N, C-alpha and C. Protein backbone atom coordinates (compact mmCIF):
# COMPACT_ATOMS: atom_id res chain seq x y z
N MET A 1 14.08 -22.48 -7.14
CA MET A 1 12.70 -22.42 -7.60
C MET A 1 12.14 -21.01 -7.47
N LYS A 2 12.59 -20.28 -6.43
CA LYS A 2 12.08 -18.93 -6.23
C LYS A 2 12.46 -18.03 -7.40
N LYS A 3 13.72 -18.15 -7.88
CA LYS A 3 14.17 -17.35 -9.03
C LYS A 3 13.32 -17.67 -10.26
N HIS A 4 12.97 -18.92 -10.39
CA HIS A 4 12.15 -19.39 -11.52
C HIS A 4 10.79 -18.68 -11.53
N LEU A 5 10.15 -18.59 -10.39
CA LEU A 5 8.83 -17.95 -10.30
C LEU A 5 8.94 -16.43 -10.42
N VAL A 6 9.98 -15.86 -9.85
CA VAL A 6 10.19 -14.41 -9.97
C VAL A 6 10.41 -14.04 -11.44
N ALA A 7 11.23 -14.82 -12.13
CA ALA A 7 11.48 -14.56 -13.55
C ALA A 7 10.19 -14.66 -14.36
N ALA A 8 9.35 -15.64 -14.05
CA ALA A 8 8.08 -15.80 -14.75
C ALA A 8 7.15 -14.62 -14.48
N ALA A 9 7.11 -14.16 -13.23
CA ALA A 9 6.25 -13.03 -12.88
C ALA A 9 6.72 -11.75 -13.56
N ILE A 10 8.02 -11.51 -13.55
CA ILE A 10 8.56 -10.31 -14.21
C ILE A 10 8.32 -10.39 -15.71
N SER A 11 8.55 -11.55 -16.28
CA SER A 11 8.30 -11.74 -17.71
C SER A 11 6.83 -11.50 -18.05
N SER A 12 5.94 -11.93 -17.19
CA SER A 12 4.51 -11.71 -17.41
C SER A 12 4.19 -10.22 -17.51
N VAL A 13 4.70 -9.46 -16.56
CA VAL A 13 4.45 -8.02 -16.55
C VAL A 13 5.03 -7.36 -17.80
N VAL A 14 6.25 -7.72 -18.14
CA VAL A 14 6.91 -7.13 -19.31
C VAL A 14 6.17 -7.51 -20.60
N LEU A 15 5.75 -8.76 -20.72
CA LEU A 15 5.05 -9.18 -21.93
C LEU A 15 3.65 -8.58 -22.05
N VAL A 16 2.96 -8.37 -20.94
CA VAL A 16 1.67 -7.67 -20.99
C VAL A 16 1.89 -6.23 -21.44
N ALA A 17 2.92 -5.59 -20.92
CA ALA A 17 3.25 -4.22 -21.34
C ALA A 17 3.61 -4.20 -22.83
N PHE A 18 4.38 -5.19 -23.27
CA PHE A 18 4.75 -5.31 -24.69
C PHE A 18 3.50 -5.47 -25.55
N ALA A 19 2.55 -6.29 -25.12
CA ALA A 19 1.30 -6.49 -25.86
C ALA A 19 0.52 -5.19 -25.96
N TYR A 20 0.46 -4.45 -24.87
CA TYR A 20 -0.28 -3.18 -24.87
C TYR A 20 0.38 -2.16 -25.78
N ILE A 21 1.70 -2.06 -25.70
CA ILE A 21 2.43 -1.12 -26.56
C ILE A 21 2.28 -1.51 -28.03
N ALA A 22 2.36 -2.80 -28.32
CA ALA A 22 2.19 -3.26 -29.70
C ALA A 22 0.79 -2.92 -30.21
N LEU A 23 -0.19 -3.07 -29.35
CA LEU A 23 -1.57 -2.76 -29.71
C LEU A 23 -1.73 -1.27 -30.03
N LEU A 24 -1.06 -0.42 -29.26
CA LEU A 24 -1.13 1.02 -29.51
C LEU A 24 -0.34 1.45 -30.76
N LEU A 25 0.79 0.80 -30.99
CA LEU A 25 1.65 1.20 -32.11
C LEU A 25 1.22 0.65 -33.46
N LEU A 26 0.50 -0.46 -33.46
CA LEU A 26 0.12 -1.10 -34.72
C LEU A 26 -0.56 -0.14 -35.69
N PRO A 27 -1.61 0.60 -35.28
CA PRO A 27 -2.26 1.49 -36.25
C PRO A 27 -1.38 2.65 -36.69
N VAL A 28 -0.42 3.03 -35.87
CA VAL A 28 0.46 4.14 -36.21
C VAL A 28 1.56 3.70 -37.16
N VAL A 29 2.19 2.57 -36.84
CA VAL A 29 3.34 2.10 -37.62
C VAL A 29 2.90 1.32 -38.85
N PHE A 30 1.87 0.49 -38.71
CA PHE A 30 1.39 -0.34 -39.83
C PHE A 30 -0.11 -0.14 -40.01
N PRO A 31 -0.56 1.01 -40.52
CA PRO A 31 -2.01 1.25 -40.62
C PRO A 31 -2.72 0.26 -41.53
N GLY A 32 -2.07 -0.16 -42.60
CA GLY A 32 -2.69 -1.14 -43.50
C GLY A 32 -2.92 -2.47 -42.82
N LEU A 33 -1.96 -2.87 -42.02
CA LEU A 33 -2.08 -4.12 -41.29
C LEU A 33 -3.18 -4.03 -40.23
N ALA A 34 -3.28 -2.86 -39.60
CA ALA A 34 -4.30 -2.65 -38.58
C ALA A 34 -5.70 -2.77 -39.17
N GLU A 35 -5.86 -2.37 -40.42
CA GLU A 35 -7.17 -2.47 -41.08
C GLU A 35 -7.63 -3.91 -41.21
N SER A 36 -6.70 -4.85 -41.25
CA SER A 36 -7.05 -6.27 -41.36
C SER A 36 -7.93 -6.72 -40.22
N TYR A 37 -7.79 -6.08 -39.07
CA TYR A 37 -8.55 -6.49 -37.89
C TYR A 37 -10.02 -6.06 -37.95
N TYR A 38 -10.38 -5.29 -38.98
CA TYR A 38 -11.79 -4.91 -39.16
C TYR A 38 -12.53 -5.89 -40.05
N GLU A 39 -11.83 -6.90 -40.51
CA GLU A 39 -12.45 -7.94 -41.33
C GLU A 39 -13.37 -8.81 -40.47
N PRO A 40 -14.34 -9.47 -41.10
CA PRO A 40 -15.27 -10.32 -40.33
C PRO A 40 -14.60 -11.51 -39.63
N THR A 41 -13.37 -11.82 -40.03
CA THR A 41 -12.65 -12.92 -39.39
C THR A 41 -12.45 -12.66 -37.90
N PHE A 42 -12.34 -11.39 -37.52
CA PHE A 42 -12.05 -11.02 -36.15
C PHE A 42 -13.30 -10.52 -35.45
N ARG A 43 -13.43 -10.87 -34.17
CA ARG A 43 -14.56 -10.43 -33.37
C ARG A 43 -14.20 -9.15 -32.64
N ALA A 44 -14.91 -8.11 -32.89
CA ALA A 44 -14.65 -6.83 -32.20
C ALA A 44 -15.60 -6.69 -31.02
N GLY A 45 -15.08 -6.24 -29.91
CA GLY A 45 -15.92 -5.97 -28.76
C GLY A 45 -16.42 -7.19 -28.03
N SER A 46 -15.80 -8.34 -28.25
CA SER A 46 -16.26 -9.55 -27.56
C SER A 46 -15.56 -9.70 -26.21
N SER A 47 -16.13 -10.51 -25.38
CA SER A 47 -15.55 -10.71 -24.05
C SER A 47 -14.24 -11.49 -24.11
N GLU A 48 -13.98 -12.16 -25.22
CA GLU A 48 -12.75 -12.94 -25.37
C GLU A 48 -11.52 -12.06 -25.60
N GLU A 49 -11.71 -10.77 -25.82
CA GLU A 49 -10.57 -9.89 -26.07
C GLU A 49 -9.61 -9.84 -24.89
N ILE A 50 -10.09 -10.11 -23.69
CA ILE A 50 -9.23 -10.11 -22.50
C ILE A 50 -8.15 -11.17 -22.63
N LEU A 51 -8.40 -12.20 -23.41
CA LEU A 51 -7.42 -13.26 -23.59
C LEU A 51 -6.14 -12.75 -24.25
N PHE A 52 -6.24 -11.64 -24.97
CA PHE A 52 -5.05 -11.02 -25.58
C PHE A 52 -4.06 -10.64 -24.48
N PHE A 53 -4.56 -10.23 -23.32
CA PHE A 53 -3.69 -9.83 -22.22
C PHE A 53 -3.44 -10.96 -21.21
N VAL A 54 -4.24 -12.01 -21.26
CA VAL A 54 -3.99 -13.18 -20.42
C VAL A 54 -2.92 -14.07 -21.07
N HIS A 55 -2.92 -14.09 -22.38
CA HIS A 55 -1.97 -14.92 -23.13
C HIS A 55 -0.51 -14.70 -22.72
N PRO A 56 -0.02 -13.45 -22.58
CA PRO A 56 1.38 -13.28 -22.19
C PRO A 56 1.71 -13.84 -20.80
N VAL A 57 0.75 -13.83 -19.90
CA VAL A 57 0.98 -14.37 -18.56
C VAL A 57 1.12 -15.89 -18.65
N ILE A 58 0.21 -16.53 -19.35
CA ILE A 58 0.29 -17.98 -19.52
C ILE A 58 1.57 -18.35 -20.25
N LEU A 59 1.87 -17.61 -21.32
CA LEU A 59 3.09 -17.87 -22.09
C LEU A 59 4.33 -17.74 -21.21
N SER A 60 4.38 -16.72 -20.37
CA SER A 60 5.54 -16.51 -19.50
C SER A 60 5.77 -17.69 -18.57
N PHE A 61 4.72 -18.17 -17.95
CA PHE A 61 4.88 -19.28 -17.01
C PHE A 61 5.21 -20.58 -17.73
N LEU A 62 4.66 -20.80 -18.92
CA LEU A 62 4.99 -22.01 -19.66
C LEU A 62 6.41 -21.96 -20.20
N LEU A 63 6.83 -20.82 -20.74
CA LEU A 63 8.21 -20.69 -21.21
C LEU A 63 9.18 -20.75 -20.04
N SER A 64 8.77 -20.28 -18.88
CA SER A 64 9.63 -20.34 -17.71
C SER A 64 9.85 -21.79 -17.28
N TRP A 65 8.81 -22.59 -17.38
CA TRP A 65 8.96 -24.02 -17.09
C TRP A 65 9.93 -24.64 -18.08
N PHE A 66 9.77 -24.30 -19.36
CA PHE A 66 10.66 -24.82 -20.39
C PHE A 66 12.11 -24.40 -20.10
N TRP A 67 12.29 -23.12 -19.73
CA TRP A 67 13.62 -22.61 -19.41
C TRP A 67 14.21 -23.37 -18.22
N TYR A 68 13.42 -23.57 -17.20
CA TYR A 68 13.88 -24.26 -16.00
C TYR A 68 14.37 -25.67 -16.34
N ARG A 69 13.68 -26.35 -17.24
CA ARG A 69 14.03 -27.71 -17.61
C ARG A 69 15.23 -27.79 -18.55
N PHE A 70 15.38 -26.82 -19.45
CA PHE A 70 16.36 -26.95 -20.52
C PHE A 70 17.40 -25.84 -20.59
N LYS A 71 17.48 -25.00 -19.57
CA LYS A 71 18.41 -23.87 -19.62
C LYS A 71 19.86 -24.30 -19.79
N GLY A 72 20.21 -25.48 -19.36
CA GLY A 72 21.57 -25.99 -19.51
C GLY A 72 21.95 -26.25 -20.96
N GLN A 73 20.96 -26.33 -21.84
CA GLN A 73 21.22 -26.57 -23.25
C GLN A 73 21.61 -25.30 -24.01
N PHE A 74 21.35 -24.14 -23.41
CA PHE A 74 21.63 -22.86 -24.05
C PHE A 74 22.95 -22.32 -23.53
N GLU A 75 23.82 -21.90 -24.45
CA GLU A 75 25.15 -21.42 -24.08
C GLU A 75 25.36 -19.99 -24.55
N GLY A 76 26.30 -19.30 -23.91
CA GLY A 76 26.64 -17.94 -24.31
C GLY A 76 26.16 -16.94 -23.29
N SER A 77 26.18 -15.67 -23.71
CA SER A 77 25.73 -14.59 -22.83
C SER A 77 24.23 -14.71 -22.59
N PHE A 78 23.75 -13.99 -21.58
CA PHE A 78 22.32 -14.08 -21.27
C PHE A 78 21.48 -13.56 -22.44
N VAL A 79 21.98 -12.58 -23.17
CA VAL A 79 21.23 -12.06 -24.32
C VAL A 79 21.15 -13.13 -25.41
N PHE A 80 22.28 -13.77 -25.71
CA PHE A 80 22.28 -14.80 -26.75
C PHE A 80 21.40 -15.97 -26.34
N ARG A 81 21.45 -16.34 -25.05
CA ARG A 81 20.63 -17.46 -24.58
C ARG A 81 19.14 -17.11 -24.70
N GLY A 82 18.79 -15.85 -24.42
CA GLY A 82 17.41 -15.41 -24.56
C GLY A 82 16.95 -15.43 -26.02
N ILE A 83 17.83 -14.98 -26.90
CA ILE A 83 17.51 -15.00 -28.33
C ILE A 83 17.33 -16.44 -28.80
N GLU A 84 18.18 -17.32 -28.32
CA GLU A 84 18.08 -18.73 -28.71
C GLU A 84 16.77 -19.34 -28.22
N LEU A 85 16.37 -19.01 -26.99
CA LEU A 85 15.08 -19.51 -26.49
C LEU A 85 13.94 -19.01 -27.37
N GLY A 86 13.97 -17.72 -27.71
CA GLY A 86 12.93 -17.16 -28.59
C GLY A 86 12.91 -17.84 -29.95
N ALA A 87 14.09 -18.14 -30.49
CA ALA A 87 14.17 -18.82 -31.79
C ALA A 87 13.61 -20.23 -31.70
N VAL A 88 13.96 -20.95 -30.64
CA VAL A 88 13.44 -22.32 -30.46
C VAL A 88 11.92 -22.27 -30.33
N TYR A 89 11.42 -21.37 -29.50
CA TYR A 89 9.97 -21.22 -29.33
C TYR A 89 9.31 -20.89 -30.67
N GLY A 90 9.92 -19.97 -31.41
CA GLY A 90 9.37 -19.60 -32.71
C GLY A 90 9.29 -20.76 -33.67
N LEU A 91 10.38 -21.53 -33.75
CA LEU A 91 10.41 -22.67 -34.68
C LEU A 91 9.49 -23.80 -34.26
N VAL A 92 9.44 -24.07 -32.97
CA VAL A 92 8.66 -25.22 -32.49
C VAL A 92 7.17 -24.91 -32.38
N ALA A 93 6.82 -23.70 -31.98
CA ALA A 93 5.42 -23.39 -31.70
C ALA A 93 4.80 -22.39 -32.67
N ILE A 94 5.48 -21.30 -32.93
CA ILE A 94 4.87 -20.21 -33.69
C ILE A 94 4.77 -20.55 -35.18
N VAL A 95 5.84 -21.05 -35.77
CA VAL A 95 5.80 -21.35 -37.21
C VAL A 95 4.68 -22.34 -37.55
N PRO A 96 4.57 -23.49 -36.85
CA PRO A 96 3.46 -24.40 -37.17
C PRO A 96 2.08 -23.78 -36.94
N ALA A 97 1.95 -22.99 -35.87
CA ALA A 97 0.65 -22.35 -35.59
C ALA A 97 0.29 -21.36 -36.70
N MET A 98 1.27 -20.62 -37.17
CA MET A 98 1.00 -19.65 -38.24
C MET A 98 0.68 -20.35 -39.56
N MET A 99 1.30 -21.49 -39.80
CA MET A 99 0.97 -22.26 -41.01
C MET A 99 -0.48 -22.72 -40.97
N ILE A 100 -0.91 -23.19 -39.81
CA ILE A 100 -2.30 -23.62 -39.65
C ILE A 100 -3.24 -22.43 -39.81
N ASN A 101 -2.92 -21.32 -39.14
CA ASN A 101 -3.78 -20.14 -39.24
C ASN A 101 -3.91 -19.67 -40.69
N TYR A 102 -2.80 -19.60 -41.39
CA TYR A 102 -2.81 -19.11 -42.77
C TYR A 102 -3.59 -20.06 -43.68
N SER A 103 -3.51 -21.35 -43.38
CA SER A 103 -4.18 -22.32 -44.26
C SER A 103 -5.69 -22.39 -44.04
N VAL A 104 -6.18 -22.03 -42.86
CA VAL A 104 -7.62 -22.20 -42.60
C VAL A 104 -8.38 -20.91 -42.35
N LEU A 105 -7.69 -19.80 -42.12
CA LEU A 105 -8.38 -18.54 -41.87
C LEU A 105 -8.22 -17.60 -43.06
N ASN A 106 -9.16 -16.70 -43.20
CA ASN A 106 -9.10 -15.70 -44.27
C ASN A 106 -8.25 -14.52 -43.79
N ILE A 107 -6.94 -14.75 -43.74
CA ILE A 107 -6.00 -13.71 -43.29
C ILE A 107 -4.89 -13.58 -44.33
N THR A 108 -4.25 -12.41 -44.31
CA THR A 108 -3.21 -12.14 -45.29
C THR A 108 -1.85 -12.63 -44.81
N LEU A 109 -0.96 -12.84 -45.77
CA LEU A 109 0.39 -13.25 -45.43
C LEU A 109 1.12 -12.19 -44.59
N PRO A 110 0.98 -10.90 -44.89
CA PRO A 110 1.63 -9.91 -44.00
C PRO A 110 1.14 -9.99 -42.55
N LEU A 111 -0.13 -10.29 -42.35
CA LEU A 111 -0.65 -10.42 -41.00
C LEU A 111 -0.02 -11.63 -40.30
N VAL A 112 0.09 -12.72 -41.02
CA VAL A 112 0.71 -13.92 -40.46
C VAL A 112 2.18 -13.65 -40.13
N MET A 113 2.87 -12.96 -41.01
CA MET A 113 4.28 -12.64 -40.76
C MET A 113 4.43 -11.71 -39.55
N ALA A 114 3.49 -10.79 -39.37
CA ALA A 114 3.51 -9.91 -38.21
C ALA A 114 3.30 -10.72 -36.93
N TRP A 115 2.37 -11.66 -36.97
CA TRP A 115 2.13 -12.51 -35.81
C TRP A 115 3.36 -13.37 -35.51
N LEU A 116 4.00 -13.86 -36.56
CA LEU A 116 5.21 -14.66 -36.38
C LEU A 116 6.30 -13.83 -35.70
N ALA A 117 6.52 -12.62 -36.19
CA ALA A 117 7.53 -11.74 -35.60
C ALA A 117 7.18 -11.40 -34.15
N TYR A 118 5.91 -11.10 -33.91
CA TYR A 118 5.45 -10.77 -32.56
C TYR A 118 5.68 -11.94 -31.60
N GLY A 119 5.34 -13.14 -32.03
CA GLY A 119 5.52 -14.32 -31.19
C GLY A 119 6.98 -14.60 -30.89
N ILE A 120 7.83 -14.48 -31.89
CA ILE A 120 9.25 -14.71 -31.67
C ILE A 120 9.82 -13.63 -30.74
N LEU A 121 9.39 -12.39 -30.92
CA LEU A 121 9.84 -11.32 -30.02
C LEU A 121 9.40 -11.59 -28.58
N GLN A 122 8.20 -12.10 -28.40
CA GLN A 122 7.75 -12.47 -27.05
C GLN A 122 8.69 -13.50 -26.45
N GLY A 123 9.04 -14.51 -27.23
CA GLY A 123 9.94 -15.56 -26.75
C GLY A 123 11.32 -15.02 -26.41
N ILE A 124 11.82 -14.10 -27.24
CA ILE A 124 13.14 -13.52 -26.99
C ILE A 124 13.12 -12.67 -25.73
N ILE A 125 12.10 -11.84 -25.58
CA ILE A 125 11.99 -10.98 -24.39
C ILE A 125 11.94 -11.85 -23.13
N ALA A 126 11.08 -12.86 -23.14
CA ALA A 126 10.99 -13.76 -21.98
C ALA A 126 12.31 -14.48 -21.76
N GLY A 127 12.92 -14.95 -22.82
CA GLY A 127 14.19 -15.67 -22.71
C GLY A 127 15.29 -14.83 -22.10
N VAL A 128 15.40 -13.58 -22.51
CA VAL A 128 16.43 -12.69 -21.96
C VAL A 128 16.18 -12.48 -20.47
N ILE A 129 14.92 -12.30 -20.10
CA ILE A 129 14.58 -12.11 -18.68
C ILE A 129 14.94 -13.37 -17.89
N PHE A 130 14.59 -14.53 -18.41
CA PHE A 130 14.90 -15.78 -17.71
C PHE A 130 16.40 -15.97 -17.57
N ALA A 131 17.13 -15.74 -18.66
CA ALA A 131 18.59 -15.94 -18.64
C ALA A 131 19.29 -14.98 -17.69
N LYS A 132 18.75 -13.79 -17.53
CA LYS A 132 19.35 -12.82 -16.62
C LYS A 132 19.03 -13.14 -15.16
N ILE A 133 17.78 -13.47 -14.88
CA ILE A 133 17.34 -13.68 -13.49
C ILE A 133 17.64 -15.10 -13.00
N ASP A 134 17.49 -16.07 -13.87
CA ASP A 134 17.64 -17.48 -13.49
C ASP A 134 18.61 -18.18 -14.44
N PRO A 135 19.90 -17.80 -14.34
CA PRO A 135 20.87 -18.38 -15.29
C PRO A 135 21.07 -19.86 -15.02
């Protein structure tokens, strides 16, 4: 159980750092996509923005629980097992959420695809950490 919590804590720190780096790189790498966030759909300067950095912590602990319960179902090297966890998370959680977002919000398909890629990458990063620390 201790390895399980350590893996979740490390994953939390890494995913918060990943979120921060992604936030800094978005306007540099994808300036057109970054402009989407100036649309009225998004709230700028609100107190809820902190949730962007709380989300990776919650995600890490929830994915860590999932890993703890089902890690025996994933086979191969720790990298492959992490990728598989990210893929499962992406298919089960991210794809349906992005379909809902795209259908009800005034957002572009490239933005939805970026969120999909970001979410799957989060799952893969967490999965690799879990598979390495808590095989």
